C-alpha atoms as a PDB file:
ATOM      1  CA  MET A   1       0.000   0.000   0.000  1.00  0.00           C
ATOM      2  CA  THR A   2       1.372   3.415  -1.013  1.00  0.00           C
ATOM      3  CA  ARG A   3       0.951   5.930   1.810  1.00  0.00           C
ATOM      4  CA  VAL A   4       0.099   9.357   0.398  1.00  0.00           C
ATOM      5  CA  GLY A   5      -0.123  12.838   1.904  1.00  0.00           C
ATOM      6  CA  VAL A   6      -1.807  15.872   0.360  1.00  0.00           C
ATOM      7  CA  ILE A   7      -0.728  19.360   1.430  1.00  0.00           C
ATOM      8  CA  GLY A   8      -3.228  22.019   0.423  1.00  0.00           C
ATOM      9  CA  VAL A   9      -6.742  20.770  -0.320  1.00  0.00           C
ATOM     10  CA  GLY A  10      -8.472  23.921  -1.535  1.00  0.00           C
ATOM     11  CA  GLY A  11      -9.312  24.415  -5.215  1.00  0.00           C
ATOM     12  CA  MET A  12      -6.501  22.524  -6.949  1.00  0.00           C
ATOM     13  CA  GLY A  13      -5.683  20.312  -4.001  1.00  0.00           C
ATOM     14  CA  PHE A  14      -9.215  18.965  -3.791  1.00  0.00           C
ATOM     15  CA  THR A  15      -8.903  17.979  -7.448  1.00  0.00           C
ATOM     16  CA  HIS A  16      -5.948  15.821  -6.403  1.00  0.00           C
ATOM     17  CA  VAL A  17      -7.937  14.408  -3.489  1.00  0.00           C
ATOM     18  CA  LYS A  18     -10.790  13.354  -5.784  1.00  0.00           C
ATOM     19  CA  ALA A  19      -8.472  11.878  -8.407  1.00  0.00           C
ATOM     20  CA  LEU A  20      -6.582   9.912  -5.758  1.00  0.00           C
ATOM     21  CA  LYS A  21      -9.865   8.514  -4.463  1.00  0.00           C
ATOM     22  CA  SER A  22     -10.717   7.268  -7.952  1.00  0.00           C
ATOM     23  CA  LEU A  23      -7.232   5.784  -8.405  1.00  0.00           C
ATOM     24  CA  ALA A  24      -6.955   4.190  -4.961  1.00  0.00           C
ATOM     25  CA  GLU A  25      -7.802   0.627  -5.909  1.00  0.00           C
ATOM     26  CA  GLU A  26      -6.011   0.623  -9.267  1.00  0.00           C
ATOM     27  CA  MET A  27      -2.783   2.038  -7.833  1.00  0.00           C
ATOM     28  CA  ASP A  28      -3.058   0.474  -4.348  1.00  0.00           C
ATOM     29  CA  LEU A  29      -2.764   3.792  -2.558  1.00  0.00           C
ATOM     30  CA  GLN A  30      -4.306   5.504   0.438  1.00  0.00           C
ATOM     31  CA  VAL A  31      -4.304   9.136   1.527  1.00  0.00           C
ATOM     32  CA  VAL A  32      -3.233   8.893   5.157  1.00  0.00           C
ATOM     33  CA  ALA A  33      -2.574  12.567   5.903  1.00  0.00           C
ATOM     34  CA  ILE A  34      -4.048  15.895   4.803  1.00  0.00           C
ATOM     35  CA  ALA A  35      -2.907  19.437   5.580  1.00  0.00           C
ATOM     36  CA  ASP A  36      -4.654  22.755   5.065  1.00  0.00           C
ATOM     37  CA  LEU A  37      -4.881  25.974   7.039  1.00  0.00           C
ATOM     38  CA  GLN A  38      -8.619  26.296   6.465  1.00  0.00           C
ATOM     39  CA  GLU A  39     -10.930  24.045   8.452  1.00  0.00           C
ATOM     40  CA  LYS A  40     -13.620  24.019   5.772  1.00  0.00           C
ATOM     41  CA  TYR A  41     -11.218  22.414   3.314  1.00  0.00           C
ATOM     42  CA  GLN A  42      -9.936  19.970   5.913  1.00  0.00           C
ATOM     43  CA  LYS A  43     -13.502  18.764   6.503  1.00  0.00           C
ATOM     44  CA  ARG A  44     -14.295  18.457   2.797  1.00  0.00           C
ATOM     45  CA  ALA A  45     -11.163  16.395   2.130  1.00  0.00           C
ATOM     46  CA  LYS A  46     -11.792  14.186   5.184  1.00  0.00           C
ATOM     47  CA  GLU A  47     -15.186  13.276   3.748  1.00  0.00           C
ATOM     48  CA  GLU A  48     -13.271  11.635   0.892  1.00  0.00           C
ATOM     49  CA  TRP A  49     -10.615  10.084   3.150  1.00  0.00           C
ATOM     50  CA  PRO A  50     -12.204   9.625   6.631  1.00  0.00           C
ATOM     51  CA  GLU A  51      -9.206   7.808   8.109  1.00  0.00           C
ATOM     52  CA  ALA A  52      -6.665  10.491   7.151  1.00  0.00           C
ATOM     53  CA  THR A  53      -4.902  12.434   9.892  1.00  0.00           C
ATOM     54  CA  ILE A  54      -5.520  16.180   9.618  1.00  0.00           C
ATOM     55  CA  TYR A  55      -2.889  18.893  10.030  1.00  0.00           C
ATOM     56  CA  ALA A  56      -2.946  22.641   9.595  1.00  0.00           C
ATOM     57  CA  GLU A  57       0.660  22.948   8.407  1.00  0.00           C
ATOM     58  CA  GLY A  58       2.299  20.928   5.656  1.00  0.00           C
ATOM     59  CA  ALA A  59       5.672  21.066   7.392  1.00  0.00           C
ATOM     60  CA  GLU A  60       4.217  19.332  10.452  1.00  0.00           C
ATOM     61  CA  LEU A  61       2.612  16.662   8.281  1.00  0.00           C
ATOM     62  CA  LEU A  62       5.960  15.918   6.637  1.00  0.00           C
ATOM     63  CA  GLU A  63       7.731  15.868   9.993  1.00  0.00           C
ATOM     64  CA  LYS A  64       5.337  13.443  11.671  1.00  0.00           C
ATOM     65  CA  GLU A  65       4.090  11.132   8.913  1.00  0.00           C
ATOM     66  CA  GLN A  66       5.820   8.207   7.246  1.00  0.00           C
ATOM     67  CA  LEU A  67       4.873   8.659   3.590  1.00  0.00           C
ATOM     68  CA  ASP A  68       5.759   7.150   0.250  1.00  0.00           C
ATOM     69  CA  ALA A  69       4.493  10.105  -1.773  1.00  0.00           C
ATOM     70  CA  VAL A  70       3.126  13.594  -1.192  1.00  0.00           C
ATOM     71  CA  HIS A  71       1.138  16.039  -3.322  1.00  0.00           C
ATOM     72  CA  ILE A  72       2.012  19.704  -2.757  1.00  0.00           C
ATOM     73  CA  CYS A  73      -0.890  21.936  -3.807  1.00  0.00           C
ATOM     74  CA  VAL A  74      -0.368  25.036  -1.676  1.00  0.00           C
ATOM     75  CA  PRO A  75       0.224  28.607  -2.982  1.00  0.00           C
ATOM     76  CA  SER A  76       3.234  28.822  -5.279  1.00  0.00           C
ATOM     77  CA  TYR A  77       5.623  30.547  -2.876  1.00  0.00           C
ATOM     78  CA  LYS A  78       5.474  27.537  -0.531  1.00  0.00           C
ATOM     79  CA  HIS A  79       6.267  24.898  -3.147  1.00  0.00           C
ATOM     80  CA  ALA A  80      10.050  24.842  -2.944  1.00  0.00           C
ATOM     81  CA  GLU A  81      10.484  24.543   0.833  1.00  0.00           C
ATOM     82  CA  LEU A  82       7.861  21.824   1.258  1.00  0.00           C
ATOM     83  CA  ALA A  83       9.130  19.863  -1.747  1.00  0.00           C
ATOM     84  CA  ILE A  84      12.711  20.002  -0.470  1.00  0.00           C
ATOM     85  CA  GLN A  85      11.618  18.928   3.020  1.00  0.00           C
ATOM     86  CA  ALA A  86       9.776  15.975   1.517  1.00  0.00           C
ATOM     87  CA  MET A  87      12.668  14.971  -0.715  1.00  0.00           C
ATOM     88  CA  ASN A  88      15.080  15.118   2.211  1.00  0.00           C
ATOM     89  CA  LYS A  89      12.875  12.547   3.949  1.00  0.00           C
ATOM     90  CA  GLY A  90      13.022  10.271   0.909  1.00  0.00           C
ATOM     91  CA  ILE A  91       9.418  10.972  -0.131  1.00  0.00           C
ATOM     92  CA  ASP A  92       8.411  11.063  -3.788  1.00  0.00           C
ATOM     93  CA  VAL A  93       6.780  14.356  -4.750  1.00  0.00           C
ATOM     94  CA  LEU A  94       4.105  15.630  -7.104  1.00  0.00           C
ATOM     95  CA  VAL A  95       4.289  19.417  -6.809  1.00  0.00           C
ATOM     96  CA  GLU A  96       1.855  21.745  -8.524  1.00  0.00           C
ATOM     97  CA  LYS A  97       3.109  24.268 -11.045  1.00  0.00           C
ATOM     98  CA  PRO A  98       5.096  26.430 -10.946  1.00  0.00           C
ATOM     99  CA  ALA A  99       7.656  24.234  -9.254  1.00  0.00           C
ATOM    100  CA  CYS A 100       9.105  27.362  -7.631  1.00  0.00           C
ATOM    101  CA  LEU A 101       9.463  31.114  -8.174  1.00  0.00           C
ATOM    102  CA  LYS A 102      13.203  31.769  -7.958  1.00  0.00           C
ATOM    103  CA  GLU A 103      16.201  30.605  -9.935  1.00  0.00           C
ATOM    104  CA  GLU A 104      18.101  29.699  -6.761  1.00  0.00           C
ATOM    105  CA  ASP A 105      15.210  27.475  -5.681  1.00  0.00           C
ATOM    106  CA  CYS A 106      15.443  25.648  -9.008  1.00  0.00           C
ATOM    107  CA  GLU A 107      18.993  24.641  -8.124  1.00  0.00           C
ATOM    108  CA  ARG A 108      18.074  23.716  -4.538  1.00  0.00           C
ATOM    109  CA  MET A 109      15.201  21.508  -5.657  1.00  0.00           C
ATOM    110  CA  LEU A 110      17.291  19.751  -8.274  1.00  0.00           C
ATOM    111  CA  ALA A 111      20.086  19.153  -5.758  1.00  0.00           C
ATOM    112  CA  ALA A 112      17.613  17.666  -3.255  1.00  0.00           C
ATOM    113  CA  LYS A 113      16.211  15.309  -5.883  1.00  0.00           C
ATOM    114  CA  GLU A 114      19.643  14.112  -6.915  1.00  0.00           C
ATOM    115  CA  ALA A 115      20.866  13.706  -3.320  1.00  0.00           C
ATOM    116  CA  ASN A 116      17.873  11.681  -2.191  1.00  0.00           C
ATOM    117  CA  HIS A 117      17.183   9.641  -5.355  1.00  0.00           C
ATOM    118  CA  VAL A 118      13.446  10.364  -5.263  1.00  0.00           C
ATOM    119  CA  SER A 119      10.840  10.648  -8.012  1.00  0.00           C
ATOM    120  CA  VAL A 120       9.568  14.193  -8.538  1.00  0.00           C
ATOM    121  CA  MET A 121       6.939  15.400 -10.984  1.00  0.00           C
ATOM    122  CA  VAL A 122       5.549  18.892 -11.647  1.00  0.00           C
ATOM    123  CA  GLY A 123       1.848  19.419 -12.317  1.00  0.00           C
ATOM    124  CA  GLN A 124       2.203  20.904 -15.802  1.00  0.00           C
ATOM    125  CA  VAL A 125      -1.159  19.373 -16.601  1.00  0.00           C
ATOM    126  CA  VAL A 126      -1.590  20.887 -20.078  1.00  0.00           C
ATOM    127  CA  ARG A 127       0.791  18.204 -21.319  1.00  0.00           C
ATOM    128  CA  PHE A 128      -2.001  15.742 -20.464  1.00  0.00           C
ATOM    129  CA  PHE A 129      -4.934  17.604 -22.021  1.00  0.00           C
ATOM    130  CA  PRO A 130      -6.189  15.600 -25.050  1.00  0.00           C
ATOM    131  CA  GLU A 131      -6.698  18.699 -27.227  1.00  0.00           C
ATOM    132  CA  TYR A 132      -3.116  19.811 -26.706  1.00  0.00           C
ATOM    133  CA  ARG A 133      -1.839  16.296 -27.289  1.00  0.00           C
ATOM    134  CA  TYR A 134      -3.761  16.286 -30.555  1.00  0.00           C
ATOM    135  CA  LEU A 135      -2.072  19.531 -31.612  1.00  0.00           C
ATOM    136  CA  ARG A 136       1.379  18.245 -30.696  1.00  0.00           C
ATOM    137  CA  GLU A 137       0.881  15.026 -32.634  1.00  0.00           C
ATOM    138  CA  ALA A 138      -0.488  16.920 -35.647  1.00  0.00           C
ATOM    139  CA  TYR A 139       2.689  19.013 -35.649  1.00  0.00           C
ATOM    140  CA  LYS A 140       5.073  16.108 -35.059  1.00  0.00           C
ATOM    141  CA  ASN A 141       3.413  13.906 -37.724  1.00  0.00           C
ATOM    142  CA  GLN A 142       2.680  16.743 -40.168  1.00  0.00           C
ATOM    143  CA  THR A 143      -0.887  15.431 -40.291  1.00  0.00           C
ATOM    144  CA  PHE A 144      -2.044  18.585 -42.086  1.00  0.00           C
ATOM    145  CA  GLY A 145       1.276  19.574 -43.617  1.00  0.00           C
ATOM    146  CA  LYS A 146       3.716  22.023 -42.122  1.00  0.00           C
ATOM    147  CA  LEU A 147       2.785  24.467 -39.393  1.00  0.00           C
ATOM    148  CA  LYS A 148       2.323  28.020 -40.702  1.00  0.00           C
ATOM    149  CA  SER A 149       1.470  29.783 -37.417  1.00  0.00           C
ATOM    150  CA  LEU A 150       0.379  29.126 -33.854  1.00  0.00           C
ATOM    151  CA  SER A 151      -1.206  31.482 -31.341  1.00  0.00           C
ATOM    152  CA  MET A 152      -2.186  30.457 -27.811  1.00  0.00           C
ATOM    153  CA  GLN A 153      -4.214  32.237 -25.173  1.00  0.00           C
ATOM    154  CA  ARG A 154      -4.973  31.602 -21.516  1.00  0.00           C
ATOM    155  CA  LEU A 155      -7.389  34.247 -20.263  1.00  0.00           C
ATOM    156  CA  SER A 156      -8.814  34.546 -16.768  1.00  0.00           C
ATOM    157  CA  GLY A 157     -10.834  36.958 -14.712  1.00  0.00           C
ATOM    158  CA  ASN A 158      -9.106  38.799 -11.904  1.00  0.00           C
ATOM    159  CA  VAL A 159      -7.972  36.212  -9.346  1.00  0.00           C
ATOM    160  CA  THR A 160      -9.718  37.542  -6.254  1.00  0.00           C
ATOM    161  CA  TRP A 161     -10.324  34.183  -4.564  1.00  0.00           C
ATOM    162  CA  GLY A 162      -6.836  33.241  -3.341  1.00  0.00           C
ATOM    163  CA  TYR A 163      -6.221  32.666   0.375  1.00  0.00           C
ATOM    164  CA  GLU A 164      -5.149  35.997   1.918  1.00  0.00           C
ATOM    165  CA  ASP A 165      -5.131  37.413  -1.634  1.00  0.00           C
ATOM    166  CA  TRP A 166      -1.790  35.764  -2.407  1.00  0.00           C
ATOM    167  CA  PHE A 167      -2.207  35.990  -6.179  1.00  0.00           C
ATOM    168  CA  HIS A 168      -1.892  39.780  -6.042  1.00  0.00           C
ATOM    169  CA  ASP A 169       1.450  39.622  -4.246  1.00  0.00           C
ATOM    170  CA  GLU A 170       3.915  39.050  -7.056  1.00  0.00           C
ATOM    171  CA  GLU A 171       6.520  37.699  -4.640  1.00  0.00           C
ATOM    172  CA  LYS A 172       4.054  34.918  -3.807  1.00  0.00           C
ATOM    173  CA  SER A 173       2.502  34.228  -7.226  1.00  0.00           C
ATOM    174  CA  GLY A 174       5.068  35.334  -9.780  1.00  0.00           C
ATOM    175  CA  SER A 175       2.268  37.368 -11.399  1.00  0.00           C
ATOM    176  CA  VAL A 176       0.205  36.072 -14.307  1.00  0.00           C
ATOM    177  CA  VAL A 177       3.451  34.951 -15.950  1.00  0.00           C
ATOM    178  CA  LEU A 178       4.409  32.172 -13.529  1.00  0.00           C
ATOM    179  CA  ASP A 179       0.905  31.320 -12.402  1.00  0.00           C
ATOM    180  CA  LEU A 180      -1.085  31.140 -15.648  1.00  0.00           C
ATOM    181  CA  HIS A 181       1.016  31.850 -18.730  1.00  0.00           C
ATOM    182  CA  ILE A 182       3.590  29.219 -17.725  1.00  0.00           C
ATOM    183  CA  HIS A 183       1.125  26.534 -18.864  1.00  0.00           C
ATOM    184  CA  ASP A 184       1.364  27.596 -22.511  1.00  0.00           C
ATOM    185  CA  LEU A 185       5.096  28.314 -22.285  1.00  0.00           C
ATOM    186  CA  ASP A 186       5.617  24.813 -20.924  1.00  0.00           C
ATOM    187  CA  PHE A 187       3.511  23.228 -23.666  1.00  0.00           C
ATOM    188  CA  LEU A 188       5.440  25.130 -26.340  1.00  0.00           C
ATOM    189  CA  ARG A 189       8.717  23.857 -24.878  1.00  0.00           C
ATOM    190  CA  TYR A 190       7.277  20.340 -24.794  1.00  0.00           C
ATOM    191  CA  THR A 191       6.366  20.592 -28.470  1.00  0.00           C
ATOM    192  CA  PHE A 192       9.176  22.647 -30.024  1.00  0.00           C
ATOM    193  CA  GLY A 193      12.048  22.556 -27.546  1.00  0.00           C
ATOM    194  CA  ASP A 194      13.540  25.549 -25.754  1.00  0.00           C
ATOM    195  CA  PRO A 195      12.911  28.932 -27.392  1.00  0.00           C
ATOM    196  CA  LYS A 196      15.784  30.513 -29.259  1.00  0.00           C
ATOM    197  CA  GLU A 197      14.437  34.045 -28.869  1.00  0.00           C
ATOM    198  CA  MET A 198      11.574  35.679 -26.954  1.00  0.00           C
ATOM    199  CA  SER A 199      10.087  39.178 -27.094  1.00  0.00           C
ATOM    200  CA  CYS A 200       7.336  40.402 -24.771  1.00  0.00           C
ATOM    201  CA  THR A 201       4.734  43.108 -24.489  1.00  0.00           C
ATOM    202  CA  ALA A 202       2.720  43.495 -21.311  1.00  0.00           C
ATOM    203  CA  THR A 203       0.267  45.451 -19.183  1.00  0.00           C
ATOM    204  CA  ALA A 204       0.060  45.855 -15.412  1.00  0.00           C
ATOM    205  CA  TYR A 205      -2.488  46.460 -12.692  1.00  0.00           C
ATOM    206  CA  ALA A 206      -2.494  49.811 -10.922  1.00  0.00           C
ATOM    207  CA  SER A 207      -0.234  48.170  -8.318  1.00  0.00           C
ATOM    208  CA  GLY A 208       2.426  47.684 -10.978  1.00  0.00           C
ATOM    209  CA  MET A 209       2.147  43.887 -11.065  1.00  0.00           C
ATOM    210  CA  VAL A 210       2.094  42.390 -14.559  1.00  0.00           C
ATOM    211  CA  ASN A 211      -1.415  41.153 -15.364  1.00  0.00           C
ATOM    212  CA  GLN A 212      -1.041  40.485 -19.087  1.00  0.00           C
ATOM    213  CA  ILE A 213       1.815  39.185 -21.205  1.00  0.00           C
ATOM    214  CA  ILE A 214       2.030  38.537 -24.929  1.00  0.00           C
ATOM    215  CA  THR A 215       5.189  36.709 -25.991  1.00  0.00           C
ATOM    216  CA  ASN A 216       6.477  36.036 -29.485  1.00  0.00           C
ATOM    217  CA  TYR A 217       8.834  33.085 -29.790  1.00  0.00           C
ATOM    218  CA  ILE A 218      11.388  31.834 -32.261  1.00  0.00           C
ATOM    219  CA  PHE A 219      12.193  28.117 -32.002  1.00  0.00           C
ATOM    220  CA  ASN A 220      14.989  26.268 -33.769  1.00  0.00           C
ATOM    221  CA  GLY A 221      13.614  24.355 -36.738  1.00  0.00           C
ATOM    222  CA  VAL A 222      10.175  26.004 -36.561  1.00  0.00           C
ATOM    223  CA  ASP A 223       9.618  28.265 -39.573  1.00  0.00           C
ATOM    224  CA  ALA A 224       6.385  29.749 -38.246  1.00  0.00           C
ATOM    225  CA  PRO A 225       5.364  32.630 -35.974  1.00  0.00           C
ATOM    226  CA  VAL A 226       4.435  31.378 -32.492  1.00  0.00           C
ATOM    227  CA  SER A 227       2.870  33.498 -29.767  1.00  0.00           C
ATOM    228  CA  ALA A 228       1.197  33.046 -26.389  1.00  0.00           C
ATOM    229  CA  GLU A 229      -0.885  35.431 -24.293  1.00  0.00           C
ATOM    230  CA  GLY A 230      -1.684  35.186 -20.597  1.00  0.00           C
ATOM    231  CA  LEU A 231      -4.206  37.500 -18.941  1.00  0.00           C
ATOM    232  CA  TRP A 232      -5.627  38.234 -15.531  1.00  0.00           C
ATOM    233  CA  ALA A 233      -8.402  40.670 -16.431  1.00  0.00           C
ATOM    234  CA  GLU A 234      -9.428  43.739 -14.463  1.00  0.00           C
ATOM    235  CA  SER A 235     -12.834  42.120 -13.887  1.00  0.00           C
ATOM    236  CA  ALA A 236     -13.274  38.966 -11.836  1.00  0.00           C
ATOM    237  CA  ALA A 237     -16.362  38.158 -13.933  1.00  0.00           C
ATOM    238  CA  LEU A 238     -14.451  37.234 -17.097  1.00  0.00           C
ATOM    239  CA  PRO A 239     -14.796  33.447 -17.605  1.00  0.00           C
ATOM    240  CA  PHE A 240     -11.598  31.439 -17.779  1.00  0.00           C
ATOM    241  CA  CYS A 241     -10.794  30.518 -21.363  1.00  0.00           C
ATOM    242  CA  PRO A 242      -7.847  28.516 -22.709  1.00  0.00           C
ATOM    243  CA  ARG A 243      -7.626  28.481 -26.505  1.00  0.00           C
ATOM    244  CA  PHE A 244      -5.274  28.051 -29.439  1.00  0.00           C
ATOM    245  CA  TYR A 245      -5.320  28.577 -33.190  1.00  0.00           C
ATOM    246  CA  ALA A 246      -2.918  26.541 -35.322  1.00  0.00           C
ATOM    247  CA  GLN A 247      -2.679  27.198 -39.046  1.00  0.00           C
ATOM    248  CA  PHE A 248      -1.274  24.287 -41.053  1.00  0.00           C
ATOM    249  CA  GLU A 249      -0.846  24.023 -44.808  1.00  0.00           C
ATOM    250  CA  GLN A 250      -3.973  21.907 -45.221  1.00  0.00           C
ATOM    251  CA  ALA A 251      -6.157  22.788 -42.230  1.00  0.00           C
ATOM    252  CA  ASP A 252      -6.761  25.098 -39.289  1.00  0.00           C
ATOM    253  CA  VAL A 253      -6.900  23.443 -35.865  1.00  0.00           C
ATOM    254  CA  VAL A 254      -8.860  25.471 -33.317  1.00  0.00           C
ATOM    255  CA  PHE A 255      -9.393  24.843 -29.609  1.00  0.00           C
ATOM    256  CA  ASP A 256     -11.690  26.872 -27.376  1.00  0.00           C
ATOM    257  CA  GLY A 257     -12.062  25.574 -23.831  1.00  0.00           C
ATOM    258  CA  ARG A 258     -15.472  27.185 -23.389  1.00  0.00           C
ATOM    259  CA  GLU A 259     -17.123  25.492 -26.370  1.00  0.00           C
ATOM    260  CA  LYS A 260     -18.000  22.238 -24.663  1.00  0.00           C
ATOM    261  CA  PRO A 261     -18.393  19.492 -25.652  1.00  0.00           C
ATOM    262  CA  ASP A 262     -16.852  20.402 -29.025  1.00  0.00           C
ATOM    263  CA  THR A 263     -13.771  22.203 -27.759  1.00  0.00           C
ATOM    264  CA  LEU A 264     -11.590  21.078 -30.698  1.00  0.00           C
ATOM    265  CA  LYS A 265     -12.350  21.540 -34.392  1.00  0.00           C
ATOM    266  CA  VAL A 266     -10.387  21.038 -37.587  1.00  0.00           C
ATOM    267  CA  TYR A 267     -11.311  23.281 -40.505  1.00  0.00           C
ATOM    268  CA  HIS A 268     -10.019  21.508 -43.611  1.00  0.00           C
ATOM    269  CA  ALA A 269      -8.940  23.355 -46.748  1.00  0.00           C
ATOM    270  CA  ASP A 270     -11.788  21.728 -48.719  1.00  0.00           C
ATOM    271  CA  GLY A 271     -14.320  23.454 -46.459  1.00  0.00           C
ATOM    272  CA  THR A 272     -15.262  20.460 -44.323  1.00  0.00           C
ATOM    273  CA  VAL A 273     -15.212  20.688 -40.545  1.00  0.00           C
ATOM    274  CA  GLU A 274     -14.057  17.813 -38.355  1.00  0.00           C
ATOM    275  CA  LYS A 275     -14.639  17.374 -34.634  1.00  0.00           C
ATOM    276  CA  PRO A 276     -11.866  14.993 -33.508  1.00  0.00           C
ATOM    277  CA  ASP A 277     -12.697  12.451 -30.836  1.00  0.00           C
ATOM    278  CA  VAL A 278     -10.493  13.597 -27.986  1.00  0.00           C
ATOM    279  CA  LYS A 279     -12.484  12.183 -25.123  1.00  0.00           C
ATOM    280  CA  GLU A 280     -10.572  11.944 -21.909  1.00  0.00           C
ATOM    281  CA  ALA A 281      -9.618   8.629 -20.374  1.00  0.00           C
ATOM    282  CA  PHE A 282     -11.564   9.614 -17.272  1.00  0.00           C
ATOM    283  CA  SER A 283     -14.261  12.175 -16.545  1.00  0.00           C
ATOM    284  CA  LEU A 284     -15.242  13.350 -13.094  1.00  0.00           C
ATOM    285  CA  GLU A 285     -17.691  16.220 -12.896  1.00  0.00           C
ATOM    286  CA  GLY A 286     -17.309  18.953 -10.330  1.00  0.00           C
ATOM    287  CA  GLY A 287     -15.874  22.436  -9.898  1.00  0.00           C
ATOM    288  CA  MET A 288     -12.596  23.941  -8.758  1.00  0.00           C
ATOM    289  CA  GLN A 289     -12.563  27.095  -6.706  1.00  0.00           C
ATOM    290  CA  GLY A 290     -12.034  30.154  -8.845  1.00  0.00           C
ATOM    291  CA  LEU A 291     -11.983  28.258 -12.129  1.00  0.00           C
ATOM    292  CA  ASN A 292     -14.826  27.308 -14.417  1.00  0.00           C
ATOM    293  CA  ILE A 293     -13.286  23.949 -15.300  1.00  0.00           C
ATOM    294  CA  SER A 294     -15.818  21.150 -14.927  1.00  0.00           C
ATOM    295  CA  THR A 295     -13.871  18.010 -15.768  1.00  0.00           C
ATOM    296  CA  PHE A 296     -10.961  16.489 -13.870  1.00  0.00           C
ATOM    297  CA  GLY A 297      -9.905  14.068 -16.606  1.00  0.00           C
ATOM    298  CA  PRO A 298      -6.426  15.415 -17.395  1.00  0.00           C
ATOM    299  CA  TYR A 299      -5.616  15.729 -13.686  1.00  0.00           C
ATOM    300  CA  TYR A 300      -6.624  12.100 -13.186  1.00  0.00           C
ATOM    301  CA  THR A 301      -4.429  11.101 -16.132  1.00  0.00           C
ATOM    302  CA  GLU A 302      -1.507  13.147 -14.811  1.00  0.00           C
ATOM    303  CA  ILE A 303      -1.704  11.614 -11.331  1.00  0.00           C
ATOM    304  CA  GLN A 304      -2.206   8.117 -12.749  1.00  0.00           C
ATOM    305  CA  TYR A 305       0.970   8.610 -14.808  1.00  0.00           C
ATOM    306  CA  PHE A 306       2.930   9.675 -11.709  1.00  0.00           C
ATOM    307  CA  TYR A 307       1.983   6.514  -9.811  1.00  0.00           C
ATOM    308  CA  GLN A 308       2.513   4.278 -12.827  1.00  0.00           C
ATOM    309  CA  CYS A 309       6.032   5.656 -13.156  1.00  0.00           C
ATOM    310  CA  ARG A 310       6.641   5.016  -9.451  1.00  0.00           C
ATOM    311  CA  LYS A 311       5.369   1.455  -9.856  1.00  0.00           C
ATOM    312  CA  GLU A 312       7.699   0.828 -12.797  1.00  0.00           C
ATOM    313  CA  GLY A 313      10.664   2.619 -11.221  1.00  0.00           C
ATOM    314  CA  LYS A 314      10.815   5.181 -14.036  1.00  0.00           C
ATOM    315  CA  ASN A 315      11.370   8.927 -14.024  1.00  0.00           C
ATOM    316  CA  PRO A 316       8.132  10.782 -14.917  1.00  0.00           C
ATOM    317  CA  ASP A 317       9.686  12.200 -18.070  1.00  0.00           C
ATOM    318  CA  ILE A 318       6.539  13.803 -19.503  1.00  0.00           C
ATOM    319  CA  ALA A 319       6.477  16.316 -16.637  1.00  0.00           C
ATOM    320  CA  SER A 320       9.691  15.719 -14.730  1.00  0.00           C
ATOM    321  CA  LEU A 321      11.149  18.100 -12.170  1.00  0.00           C
ATOM    322  CA  GLU A 322      13.855  18.981 -14.681  1.00  0.00           C
ATOM    323  CA  GLU A 323      11.239  19.970 -17.269  1.00  0.00           C
ATOM    324  CA  GLY A 324       9.201  21.925 -14.741  1.00  0.00           C
ATOM    325  CA  LEU A 325      12.256  23.843 -13.572  1.00  0.00           C
ATOM    326  CA  ALA A 326      13.298  24.636 -17.145  1.00  0.00           C
ATOM    327  CA  SER A 327       9.876  26.179 -17.725  1.00  0.00           C
ATOM    328  CA  VAL A 328      10.242  28.213 -14.531  1.00  0.00           C
ATOM    329  CA  LYS A 329      13.578  29.587 -15.737  1.00  0.00           C
ATOM    330  CA  TYR A 330      12.143  30.675 -19.085  1.00  0.00           C
ATOM    331  CA  ALA A 331       9.078  32.137 -17.357  1.00  0.00           C
ATOM    332  CA  LEU A 332      11.366  34.170 -15.101  1.00  0.00           C
ATOM    333  CA  LYS A 333      13.087  35.552 -18.208  1.00  0.00           C
ATOM    334  CA  GLU A 334       9.713  36.464 -19.711  1.00  0.00           C
ATOM    335  CA  TRP A 335       8.635  38.089 -16.462  1.00  0.00           C
ATOM    336  CA  GLU A 336      11.713  40.312 -16.498  1.00  0.00           C
ATOM    337  CA  LEU A 337      11.047  41.268 -20.129  1.00  0.00           C
ATOM    338  CA  ALA A 338       7.425  42.041 -19.274  1.00  0.00           C
ATOM    339  CA  LYS A 339       8.335  44.204 -16.278  1.00  0.00           C
ATOM    340  CA  LYS A 340      10.909  46.083 -18.369  1.00  0.00           C
ATOM    341  CA  TYR A 341       8.289  46.702 -21.072  1.00  0.00           C
ATOM    342  CA  VAL A 342       5.799  48.053 -18.515  1.00  0.00           C
ATOM    343  CA  GLU A 343       8.414  50.303 -16.936  1.00  0.00           C
ATOM    344  CA  GLU A 344       9.465  51.745 -20.291  1.00  0.00           C
ATOM    345  CA  LYS A 345       5.857  52.430 -21.279  1.00  0.00           C
ATOM    346  CA  SER A 346       4.980  54.209 -18.026  1.00  0.00           C
END
């Protein structure tokens, strides 16, 4: 039996709790410990795992419990310290994105992984979304000919729901760049490799924190313009919307996360429209705090992959710590470019 702990069981963390419940029998695992500062989330998670021991602080959970694996789903600024503490106890780790917020923490986390020979995965879940997998395979296989252009967007209302308003403290969230935009940056790296060049434009809230970034990329071997936009709007009412538009020689592939159930469409050059079957391996209905995402499928698939890799003694290469940290480093570079752009425009 794999003994699992979950630290942070609010919006994203409860998604992990539910997925673990569904995977328990298949992966022979049990959540034995849960940590969260808010009692209402403790109670909700304990309804799923009644026998779990409850803690307020993740550090105390790691100190007192004997675990095989832990999920770290707390605000971003706490990721590095908790992950390192877990690794130093020989515990395998699934840490939510971004893996950390500082370059020096990237090196500390990597050193802890190497010193303790543990398995560590970062929750860059877009790599597991079926629509994005479809796009990546279409590019790799030249299903519709060569790629002519790709634009990606990840748009959200103002993030007013974070505990103690941590999203609006850029030292805690890394702004929209490391919290939201990093998803598309990471997927682009996964598909094309590391960017050769990046240029950014940006806007900021009245506080000066970057709330919108538009990045143009140049990738080695990719003869096509590629861009990605991340936005935290002024209004909290704006629905969350991930989308992309890929122009190939023989078709346009369009994804809009709000157009359910037909989120993905292929507009062929002959005028026909295809709706690819990209059904998820698992569907679990429910909501996540602050996000209008109603299916947990990719999160289930991501967590299933982590435990399958543990079972087989393999590194979780699809979303390894090394990959997650590389995306953090490029996001930090983009963040600096965005802040410089805002400063020069003001």
